[in-house]
Amino acid sequence: MLELKNVSMSFQDRRILDDVSLQVQRGEILVVIGPSGSGKSTLLRLMIGLLKPDSGQIWVDGREISHLDEDELNQIRRNMGMVFQYSALFDSMTVGENVAFGIRQHTKMPEEEILRVIRRTLRMVGLMGRENAMPSELSGGMKKRVSLARAIALNPTIVLYDEPTSGLDPVMSATINRLIMSTRRILGVTAVVVTHDMESAFTIADRIAMLYDEKIVAIGTPDEFRQSVNPVVQQFIAGVKTSCIPVQRRAKE
């Protein structure tokens, strides 16, 4: 389904990922955690082909994508959706136009069918009837939901989430968590979620992977993470800053 094999990545003279291997199982929700600047968002951008690794392989649905050209990557991306950290909506477009952006860019779907997709996806994220609203009229949580509707509009097999609960209050964070889980249940998608929110991670994850010091240092179920004796894992979960987890200058994630 989705696999990184011995992937390394640097920005200028700074190594971000070093020989990282990770396999995402079909239909699971894999949550990636780690300190700021550890390369979590870089990992997502590699998975969707927005970045190319210095070395290693990235496999999506049986194809190695690191050497594909942009046209070939766009074919792969038709089966993938991404929810960006800051929603990345087009301010000059209505909600409906934002949701339909990828459809109109990459397909020849009839306009009548596009309107049905807009209504269906907005209903799934609890925004039915808001297709004519502008992004400036929406709360942060509503923008995240529009971003999710856009990500699932083409019925992807994989959805990538970059900090989906960042900046949201606890009630809206819980709403986003439920949407991530219901999207997996209803559409059968595979999801990779980057987050700092450990409550969200423990709520939605089938498995959790931790990035630290350029590598995956732990991977397992939420229960296995809670019971881990790895001091880096325990300090991150507890939110305790010690010498084990130094403050890092932020990577170009």
C-alpha atoms as a PDB file:
ATOM      1  CA  MET A   1       0.000   0.000   0.000  1.00  0.00           C
ATOM      2  CA  LEU A   2       2.510   2.644   1.193  1.00  0.00           C
ATOM      3  CA  GLU A   3       6.126   1.957   2.087  1.00  0.00           C
ATOM      4  CA  LEU A   4       9.382   3.842   2.619  1.00  0.00           C
ATOM      5  CA  LYS A   5      12.567   1.826   2.187  1.00  0.00           C
ATOM      6  CA  ASN A   6      15.855   3.200   3.540  1.00  0.00           C
ATOM      7  CA  VAL A   7      14.856   6.808   2.831  1.00  0.00           C
ATOM      8  CA  SER A   8      17.292   9.621   3.611  1.00  0.00           C
ATOM      9  CA  MET A   9      16.589  13.327   3.138  1.00  0.00           C
ATOM     10  CA  SER A  10      18.572  16.494   3.800  1.00  0.00           C
ATOM     11  CA  PHE A  11      17.944  20.205   3.448  1.00  0.00           C
ATOM     12  CA  GLN A  12      21.177  22.030   2.629  1.00  0.00           C
ATOM     13  CA  ASP A  13      23.676  20.641   5.164  1.00  0.00           C
ATOM     14  CA  ARG A  14      21.138  19.310   7.658  1.00  0.00           C
ATOM     15  CA  ARG A  15      20.066  15.669   7.644  1.00  0.00           C
ATOM     16  CA  ILE A  16      16.315  15.343   8.347  1.00  0.00           C
ATOM     17  CA  LEU A  17      15.696  11.635   7.742  1.00  0.00           C
ATOM     18  CA  ASP A  18      18.394   8.971   7.907  1.00  0.00           C
ATOM     19  CA  ASP A  19      17.759   5.515   6.409  1.00  0.00           C
ATOM     20  CA  VAL A  20      14.082   5.527   7.429  1.00  0.00           C
ATOM     21  CA  SER A  21      11.972   2.470   6.599  1.00  0.00           C
ATOM     22  CA  LEU A  22       8.242   2.421   7.308  1.00  0.00           C
ATOM     23  CA  GLN A  23       5.374   0.294   6.038  1.00  0.00           C
ATOM     24  CA  VAL A  24       1.774   1.504   6.247  1.00  0.00           C
ATOM     25  CA  GLN A  25      -0.734  -1.319   6.169  1.00  0.00           C
ATOM     26  CA  ARG A  26      -3.813  -1.157   3.968  1.00  0.00           C
ATOM     27  CA  GLY A  27      -6.813   0.319   5.781  1.00  0.00           C
ATOM     28  CA  GLU A  28      -4.971   1.377   8.935  1.00  0.00           C
ATOM     29  CA  ILE A  29      -4.560   4.738  10.616  1.00  0.00           C
ATOM     30  CA  LEU A  30      -0.855   5.254  11.283  1.00  0.00           C
ATOM     31  CA  VAL A  31      -0.014   8.255  13.453  1.00  0.00           C
ATOM     32  CA  VAL A  32       3.470   9.778  13.255  1.00  0.00           C
ATOM     33  CA  ILE A  33       4.676  11.707  16.310  1.00  0.00           C
ATOM     34  CA  GLY A  34       7.948  13.379  17.218  1.00  0.00           C
ATOM     35  CA  PRO A  35       9.496  16.671  18.332  1.00  0.00           C
ATOM     36  CA  SER A  36       9.119  19.800  16.230  1.00  0.00           C
ATOM     37  CA  GLY A  37      11.643  19.785  13.422  1.00  0.00           C
ATOM     38  CA  SER A  38      12.023  16.008  13.386  1.00  0.00           C
ATOM     39  CA  GLY A  39      10.856  15.668   9.783  1.00  0.00           C
ATOM     40  CA  LYS A  40       7.262  14.481  10.214  1.00  0.00           C
ATOM     41  CA  SER A  41       5.810  16.794   7.575  1.00  0.00           C
ATOM     42  CA  THR A  42       8.767  16.032   5.324  1.00  0.00           C
ATOM     43  CA  LEU A  43       7.730  12.388   5.549  1.00  0.00           C
ATOM     44  CA  LEU A  44       4.239  13.244   4.256  1.00  0.00           C
ATOM     45  CA  ARG A  45       5.593  15.337   1.402  1.00  0.00           C
ATOM     46  CA  LEU A  46       7.840  12.476   0.356  1.00  0.00           C
ATOM     47  CA  MET A  47       4.882  10.088   0.412  1.00  0.00           C
ATOM     48  CA  ILE A  48       2.852  12.246  -1.958  1.00  0.00           C
ATOM     49  CA  GLY A  49       5.797  13.073  -4.205  1.00  0.00           C
ATOM     50  CA  LEU A  50       6.126  16.764  -3.365  1.00  0.00           C
ATOM     51  CA  LEU A  51       9.735  16.065  -2.363  1.00  0.00           C
ATOM     52  CA  LYS A  52      12.228  13.541  -3.690  1.00  0.00           C
ATOM     53  CA  PRO A  53      14.524  11.663  -1.284  1.00  0.00           C
ATOM     54  CA  ASP A  54      18.304  11.859  -1.474  1.00  0.00           C
ATOM     55  CA  SER A  55      18.316   8.066  -1.401  1.00  0.00           C
ATOM     56  CA  GLY A  56      15.934   5.180  -0.806  1.00  0.00           C
ATOM     57  CA  GLN A  57      12.605   4.175  -2.292  1.00  0.00           C
ATOM     58  CA  ILE A  58       8.980   5.232  -1.798  1.00  0.00           C
ATOM     59  CA  TRP A  59       6.316   2.756  -2.882  1.00  0.00           C
ATOM     60  CA  VAL A  60       2.654   3.691  -3.361  1.00  0.00           C
ATOM     61  CA  ASP A  61       0.187   1.028  -4.482  1.00  0.00           C
ATOM     62  CA  GLY A  62       2.940  -1.115  -5.952  1.00  0.00           C
ATOM     63  CA  ARG A  63       4.793   1.687  -7.781  1.00  0.00           C
ATOM     64  CA  GLU A  64       8.104   3.234  -6.792  1.00  0.00           C
ATOM     65  CA  ILE A  65       7.486   6.987  -7.117  1.00  0.00           C
ATOM     66  CA  SER A  66      10.782   8.716  -6.321  1.00  0.00           C
ATOM     67  CA  HIS A  67      11.866   8.835  -9.985  1.00  0.00           C
ATOM     68  CA  LEU A  68       8.490   9.553 -11.603  1.00  0.00           C
ATOM     69  CA  ASP A  69       7.930  12.735 -13.584  1.00  0.00           C
ATOM     70  CA  GLU A  70       5.168  15.194 -12.684  1.00  0.00           C
ATOM     71  CA  ASP A  71       2.584  13.711 -15.057  1.00  0.00           C
ATOM     72  CA  GLU A  72       3.177  10.228 -13.641  1.00  0.00           C
ATOM     73  CA  LEU A  73       3.030  11.577 -10.088  1.00  0.00           C
ATOM     74  CA  ASN A  74      -0.289  13.266 -10.807  1.00  0.00           C
ATOM     75  CA  GLN A  75      -1.724   9.887 -11.762  1.00  0.00           C
ATOM     76  CA  ILE A  76      -0.575   8.498  -8.400  1.00  0.00           C
ATOM     77  CA  ARG A  77      -1.942  11.529  -6.540  1.00  0.00           C
ATOM     78  CA  ARG A  78      -5.415  10.966  -7.946  1.00  0.00           C
ATOM     79  CA  ASN A  79      -5.639   8.115  -5.443  1.00  0.00           C
ATOM     80  CA  MET A  80      -4.299  10.234  -2.590  1.00  0.00           C
ATOM     81  CA  GLY A  81      -5.676  13.143  -0.600  1.00  0.00           C
ATOM     82  CA  MET A  82      -3.888  15.523   1.745  1.00  0.00           C
ATOM     83  CA  VAL A  83      -5.186  17.696   4.567  1.00  0.00           C
ATOM     84  CA  PHE A  84      -2.648  20.459   5.126  1.00  0.00           C
ATOM     85  CA  GLN A  85      -1.813  21.907   8.537  1.00  0.00           C
ATOM     86  CA  TYR A  86      -3.299  25.332   7.780  1.00  0.00           C
ATOM     87  CA  SER A  87      -6.085  23.983   5.545  1.00  0.00           C
ATOM     88  CA  ALA A  88      -4.607  25.671   2.419  1.00  0.00           C
ATOM     89  CA  LEU A  89      -7.974  26.808   1.076  1.00  0.00           C
ATOM     90  CA  PHE A  90      -8.162  29.262  -1.810  1.00  0.00           C
ATOM     91  CA  ASP A  91      -9.508  32.477  -0.275  1.00  0.00           C
ATOM     92  CA  SER A  92     -11.051  33.670  -3.544  1.00  0.00           C
ATOM     93  CA  MET A  93     -13.050  30.454  -4.045  1.00  0.00           C
ATOM     94  CA  THR A  94     -16.239  29.347  -2.351  1.00  0.00           C
ATOM     95  CA  VAL A  95     -16.295  26.250  -0.171  1.00  0.00           C
ATOM     96  CA  GLY A  96     -17.784  24.254  -3.035  1.00  0.00           C
ATOM     97  CA  GLU A  97     -15.155  25.489  -5.487  1.00  0.00           C
ATOM     98  CA  ASN A  98     -12.411  24.528  -3.045  1.00  0.00           C
ATOM     99  CA  VAL A  99     -13.852  21.035  -2.635  1.00  0.00           C
ATOM    100  CA  ALA A 100     -14.126  20.592  -6.400  1.00  0.00           C
ATOM    101  CA  PHE A 101     -10.711  22.032  -7.250  1.00  0.00           C
ATOM    102  CA  GLY A 102      -8.941  18.697  -7.718  1.00  0.00           C
ATOM    103  CA  ILE A 103     -11.853  17.211  -9.637  1.00  0.00           C
ATOM    104  CA  ARG A 104     -11.873  20.052 -12.140  1.00  0.00           C
ATOM    105  CA  GLN A 105      -8.093  20.007 -12.452  1.00  0.00           C
ATOM    106  CA  HIS A 106      -7.652  16.287 -12.987  1.00  0.00           C
ATOM    107  CA  THR A 107     -10.890  14.892 -14.421  1.00  0.00           C
ATOM    108  CA  LYS A 108     -13.526  15.574 -17.046  1.00  0.00           C
ATOM    109  CA  MET A 109     -16.375  14.853 -14.666  1.00  0.00           C
ATOM    110  CA  PRO A 110     -19.668  16.464 -15.746  1.00  0.00           C
ATOM    111  CA  GLU A 111     -20.626  19.538 -13.758  1.00  0.00           C
ATOM    112  CA  GLU A 112     -23.818  17.918 -12.496  1.00  0.00           C
ATOM    113  CA  GLU A 113     -21.796  15.057 -11.021  1.00  0.00           C
ATOM    114  CA  ILE A 114     -19.298  17.493  -9.502  1.00  0.00           C
ATOM    115  CA  LEU A 115     -22.144  19.228  -7.673  1.00  0.00           C
ATOM    116  CA  ARG A 116     -23.281  15.864  -6.305  1.00  0.00           C
ATOM    117  CA  VAL A 117     -19.750  15.156  -5.067  1.00  0.00           C
ATOM    118  CA  ILE A 118     -19.591  18.562  -3.371  1.00  0.00           C
ATOM    119  CA  ARG A 119     -22.878  17.959  -1.560  1.00  0.00           C
ATOM    120  CA  ARG A 120     -21.910  14.396  -0.602  1.00  0.00           C
ATOM    121  CA  THR A 121     -18.500  15.269   0.825  1.00  0.00           C
ATOM    122  CA  LEU A 122     -19.751  18.350   2.679  1.00  0.00           C
ATOM    123  CA  ARG A 123     -22.487  16.216   4.220  1.00  0.00           C
ATOM    124  CA  MET A 124     -19.837  13.709   5.365  1.00  0.00           C
ATOM    125  CA  VAL A 125     -17.893  16.429   7.204  1.00  0.00           C
ATOM    126  CA  GLY A 126     -20.969  18.100   8.688  1.00  0.00           C
ATOM    127  CA  LEU A 127     -21.049  21.178   6.437  1.00  0.00           C
ATOM    128  CA  MET A 128     -24.075  20.437   4.297  1.00  0.00           C
ATOM    129  CA  GLY A 129     -25.459  23.609   2.715  1.00  0.00           C
ATOM    130  CA  ARG A 130     -22.255  25.640   3.137  1.00  0.00           C
ATOM    131  CA  GLU A 131     -20.986  25.233  -0.439  1.00  0.00           C
ATOM    132  CA  ASN A 132     -21.500  28.925  -1.261  1.00  0.00           C
ATOM    133  CA  ALA A 133     -19.731  30.238   1.843  1.00  0.00           C
ATOM    134  CA  MET A 134     -16.315  31.886   1.540  1.00  0.00           C
ATOM    135  CA  PRO A 135     -13.324  30.704   3.621  1.00  0.00           C
ATOM    136  CA  SER A 136     -13.274  34.067   5.437  1.00  0.00           C
ATOM    137  CA  GLU A 137     -16.704  33.214   6.869  1.00  0.00           C
ATOM    138  CA  LEU A 138     -15.515  29.943   8.413  1.00  0.00           C
ATOM    139  CA  SER A 139     -13.995  29.071  11.766  1.00  0.00           C
ATOM    140  CA  GLY A 140     -10.676  27.235  11.950  1.00  0.00           C
ATOM    141  CA  GLY A 141     -12.423  23.934  12.558  1.00  0.00           C
ATOM    142  CA  MET A 142     -14.754  24.446   9.609  1.00  0.00           C
ATOM    143  CA  LYS A 143     -11.788  25.198   7.340  1.00  0.00           C
ATOM    144  CA  LYS A 144     -10.181  21.919   8.419  1.00  0.00           C
ATOM    145  CA  ARG A 145     -13.390  20.105   7.523  1.00  0.00           C
ATOM    146  CA  VAL A 146     -13.513  21.743   4.094  1.00  0.00           C
ATOM    147  CA  SER A 147      -9.904  20.675   3.580  1.00  0.00           C
ATOM    148  CA  LEU A 148     -10.894  17.107   4.467  1.00  0.00           C
ATOM    149  CA  ALA A 149     -13.865  17.246   2.084  1.00  0.00           C
ATOM    150  CA  ARG A 150     -11.519  18.357  -0.694  1.00  0.00           C
ATOM    151  CA  ALA A 151      -9.074  15.564   0.168  1.00  0.00           C
ATOM    152  CA  ILE A 152     -11.724  12.833  -0.146  1.00  0.00           C
ATOM    153  CA  ALA A 153     -13.621  14.261  -3.137  1.00  0.00           C
ATOM    154  CA  LEU A 154     -11.916  11.926  -5.624  1.00  0.00           C
ATOM    155  CA  ASN A 155     -12.440   8.831  -3.436  1.00  0.00           C
ATOM    156  CA  PRO A 156      -8.743   8.332  -2.626  1.00  0.00           C
ATOM    157  CA  THR A 157      -7.312   5.128  -1.218  1.00  0.00           C
ATOM    158  CA  ILE A 158      -4.814   7.071   0.933  1.00  0.00           C
ATOM    159  CA  VAL A 159      -5.302  10.287   2.929  1.00  0.00           C
ATOM    160  CA  LEU A 160      -2.404  12.146   4.553  1.00  0.00           C
ATOM    161  CA  TYR A 161      -3.109  14.533   7.446  1.00  0.00           C
ATOM    162  CA  ASP A 162      -0.602  17.181   8.550  1.00  0.00           C
ATOM    163  CA  GLU A 163      -1.401  18.325  12.108  1.00  0.00           C
ATOM    164  CA  PRO A 164      -5.202  18.115  11.611  1.00  0.00           C
ATOM    165  CA  THR A 165      -6.031  19.290  15.154  1.00  0.00           C
ATOM    166  CA  SER A 166      -3.408  22.041  15.359  1.00  0.00           C
ATOM    167  CA  GLY A 167      -4.856  25.300  16.683  1.00  0.00           C
ATOM    168  CA  LEU A 168      -8.263  23.810  17.489  1.00  0.00           C
ATOM    169  CA  ASP A 169     -10.073  23.736  20.823  1.00  0.00           C
ATOM    170  CA  PRO A 170     -10.666  20.341  22.479  1.00  0.00           C
ATOM    171  CA  VAL A 171     -14.253  20.047  21.236  1.00  0.00           C
ATOM    172  CA  MET A 172     -13.329  20.698  17.602  1.00  0.00           C
ATOM    173  CA  SER A 173     -10.261  18.462  17.918  1.00  0.00           C
ATOM    174  CA  ALA A 174     -12.556  15.634  18.995  1.00  0.00           C
ATOM    175  CA  THR A 175     -14.792  16.367  15.989  1.00  0.00           C
ATOM    176  CA  ILE A 176     -11.824  16.138  13.603  1.00  0.00           C
ATOM    177  CA  ASN A 177     -10.724  12.881  15.239  1.00  0.00           C
ATOM    178  CA  ARG A 178     -14.181  11.401  14.698  1.00  0.00           C
ATOM    179  CA  LEU A 179     -14.115  12.497  11.055  1.00  0.00           C
ATOM    180  CA  ILE A 180     -10.732  10.857  10.492  1.00  0.00           C
ATOM    181  CA  MET A 181     -12.052   7.598  11.926  1.00  0.00           C
ATOM    182  CA  SER A 182     -15.393   7.754  10.109  1.00  0.00           C
ATOM    183  CA  THR A 183     -13.653   8.506   6.802  1.00  0.00           C
ATOM    184  CA  ARG A 184     -11.591   5.363   7.249  1.00  0.00           C
ATOM    185  CA  ARG A 185     -14.690   3.345   8.162  1.00  0.00           C
ATOM    186  CA  ILE A 186     -16.953   4.652   5.380  1.00  0.00           C
ATOM    187  CA  LEU A 187     -14.435   4.954   2.539  1.00  0.00           C
ATOM    188  CA  GLY A 188     -11.943   2.295   3.608  1.00  0.00           C
ATOM    189  CA  VAL A 189      -9.012   4.674   3.197  1.00  0.00           C
ATOM    190  CA  THR A 190      -5.530   4.214   4.579  1.00  0.00           C
ATOM    191  CA  ALA A 191      -4.501   7.230   6.672  1.00  0.00           C
ATOM    192  CA  VAL A 192      -1.181   8.662   7.817  1.00  0.00           C
ATOM    193  CA  VAL A 193      -1.597  11.376  10.452  1.00  0.00           C
ATOM    194  CA  VAL A 194       1.173  13.675  11.702  1.00  0.00           C
ATOM    195  CA  THR A 195       0.394  15.193  15.088  1.00  0.00           C
ATOM    196  CA  HIS A 196       1.807  16.549  18.351  1.00  0.00           C
ATOM    197  CA  ASP A 197      -1.527  15.851  20.055  1.00  0.00           C
ATOM    198  CA  MET A 198      -1.034  12.656  22.053  1.00  0.00           C
ATOM    199  CA  GLU A 199      -4.697  12.486  23.068  1.00  0.00           C
ATOM    200  CA  SER A 200      -5.621  12.456  19.383  1.00  0.00           C
ATOM    201  CA  ALA A 201      -2.894   9.926  18.619  1.00  0.00           C
ATOM    202  CA  PHE A 202      -4.133   7.493  21.247  1.00  0.00           C
ATOM    203  CA  THR A 203      -7.746   8.010  20.131  1.00  0.00           C
ATOM    204  CA  ILE A 204      -7.415   7.417  16.398  1.00  0.00           C
ATOM    205  CA  ALA A 205      -4.293   5.317  15.841  1.00  0.00           C
ATOM    206  CA  ASP A 206      -4.082   1.664  14.960  1.00  0.00           C
ATOM    207  CA  ARG A 207      -0.326   2.116  15.227  1.00  0.00           C
ATOM    208  CA  ILE A 208       1.982   4.970  16.218  1.00  0.00           C
ATOM    209  CA  ALA A 209       5.472   5.640  14.851  1.00  0.00           C
ATOM    210  CA  MET A 210       7.868   8.050  16.550  1.00  0.00           C
ATOM    211  CA  LEU A 211      10.464  10.064  14.637  1.00  0.00           C
ATOM    212  CA  TYR A 212      13.438  11.201  16.682  1.00  0.00           C
ATOM    213  CA  ASP A 213      17.008  12.101  15.786  1.00  0.00           C
ATOM    214  CA  GLU A 214      16.406  11.429  12.066  1.00  0.00           C
ATOM    215  CA  LYS A 215      15.076   7.897  12.578  1.00  0.00           C
ATOM    216  CA  ILE A 216      11.969   5.906  13.500  1.00  0.00           C
ATOM    217  CA  VAL A 217      12.827   5.008  17.103  1.00  0.00           C
ATOM    218  CA  ALA A 218       9.583   3.233  18.018  1.00  0.00           C
ATOM    219  CA  ILE A 219       6.497   1.829  16.342  1.00  0.00           C
ATOM    220  CA  GLY A 220       3.558  -0.042  17.818  1.00  0.00           C
ATOM    221  CA  THR A 221      -0.026   0.103  19.014  1.00  0.00           C
ATOM    222  CA  PRO A 222      -1.209   2.819  21.405  1.00  0.00           C
ATOM    223  CA  ASP A 223      -1.077   0.316  24.282  1.00  0.00           C
ATOM    224  CA  GLU A 224       2.485  -0.627  23.358  1.00  0.00           C
ATOM    225  CA  PHE A 225       3.447   3.055  23.385  1.00  0.00           C
ATOM    226  CA  ARG A 226       1.861   3.608  26.783  1.00  0.00           C
ATOM    227  CA  GLN A 227       3.833   0.658  28.160  1.00  0.00           C
ATOM    228  CA  SER A 228       7.101   1.509  26.393  1.00  0.00           C
ATOM    229  CA  VAL A 229      10.250   1.645  28.504  1.00  0.00           C
ATOM    230  CA  ASN A 230      12.004   3.799  25.891  1.00  0.00           C
ATOM    231  CA  PRO A 231      12.799   7.056  27.768  1.00  0.00           C
ATOM    232  CA  VAL A 232      12.419   9.195  24.627  1.00  0.00           C
ATOM    233  CA  VAL A 233       8.918   7.791  24.045  1.00  0.00           C
ATOM    234  CA  GLN A 234       7.875   8.219  27.663  1.00  0.00           C
ATOM    235  CA  GLN A 235       9.166  11.778  27.905  1.00  0.00           C
ATOM    236  CA  PHE A 236       7.373  12.769  24.708  1.00  0.00           C
ATOM    237  CA  ILE A 237       4.106  11.196  25.868  1.00  0.00           C
ATOM    238  CA  ALA A 238       4.368  12.882  29.265  1.00  0.00           C
ATOM    239  CA  GLY A 239       5.353  16.228  27.757  1.00  0.00           C
ATOM    240  CA  VAL A 240       8.446  16.420  29.948  1.00  0.00           C
ATOM    241  CA  LYS A 241      11.431  18.260  28.475  1.00  0.00           C
ATOM    242  CA  THR A 242      14.741  16.750  29.577  1.00  0.00           C
ATOM    243  CA  SER A 243      18.183  16.268  28.096  1.00  0.00           C
ATOM    244  CA  CYS A 244      16.869  13.195  26.260  1.00  0.00           C
ATOM    245  CA  ILE A 245      14.775  15.322  23.900  1.00  0.00           C
ATOM    246  CA  PRO A 246      16.684  18.509  23.108  1.00  0.00           C
ATOM    247  CA  VAL A 247      14.973  21.505  21.615  1.00  0.00           C
ATOM    248  CA  GLN A 248      15.656  21.328  17.874  1.00  0.00           C
ATOM    249  CA  ARG A 249      15.719  24.173  15.397  1.00  0.00           C
ATOM    250  CA  ARG A 250      12.755  23.639  13.188  1.00  0.00           C
ATOM    251  CA  ALA A 251      13.310  21.664  10.004  1.00  0.00           C
ATOM    252  CA  LYS A 252      11.936  22.801   6.678  1.00  0.00           C
ATOM    253  CA  GLU A 253       9.088  20.345   7.266  1.00  0.00           C
END
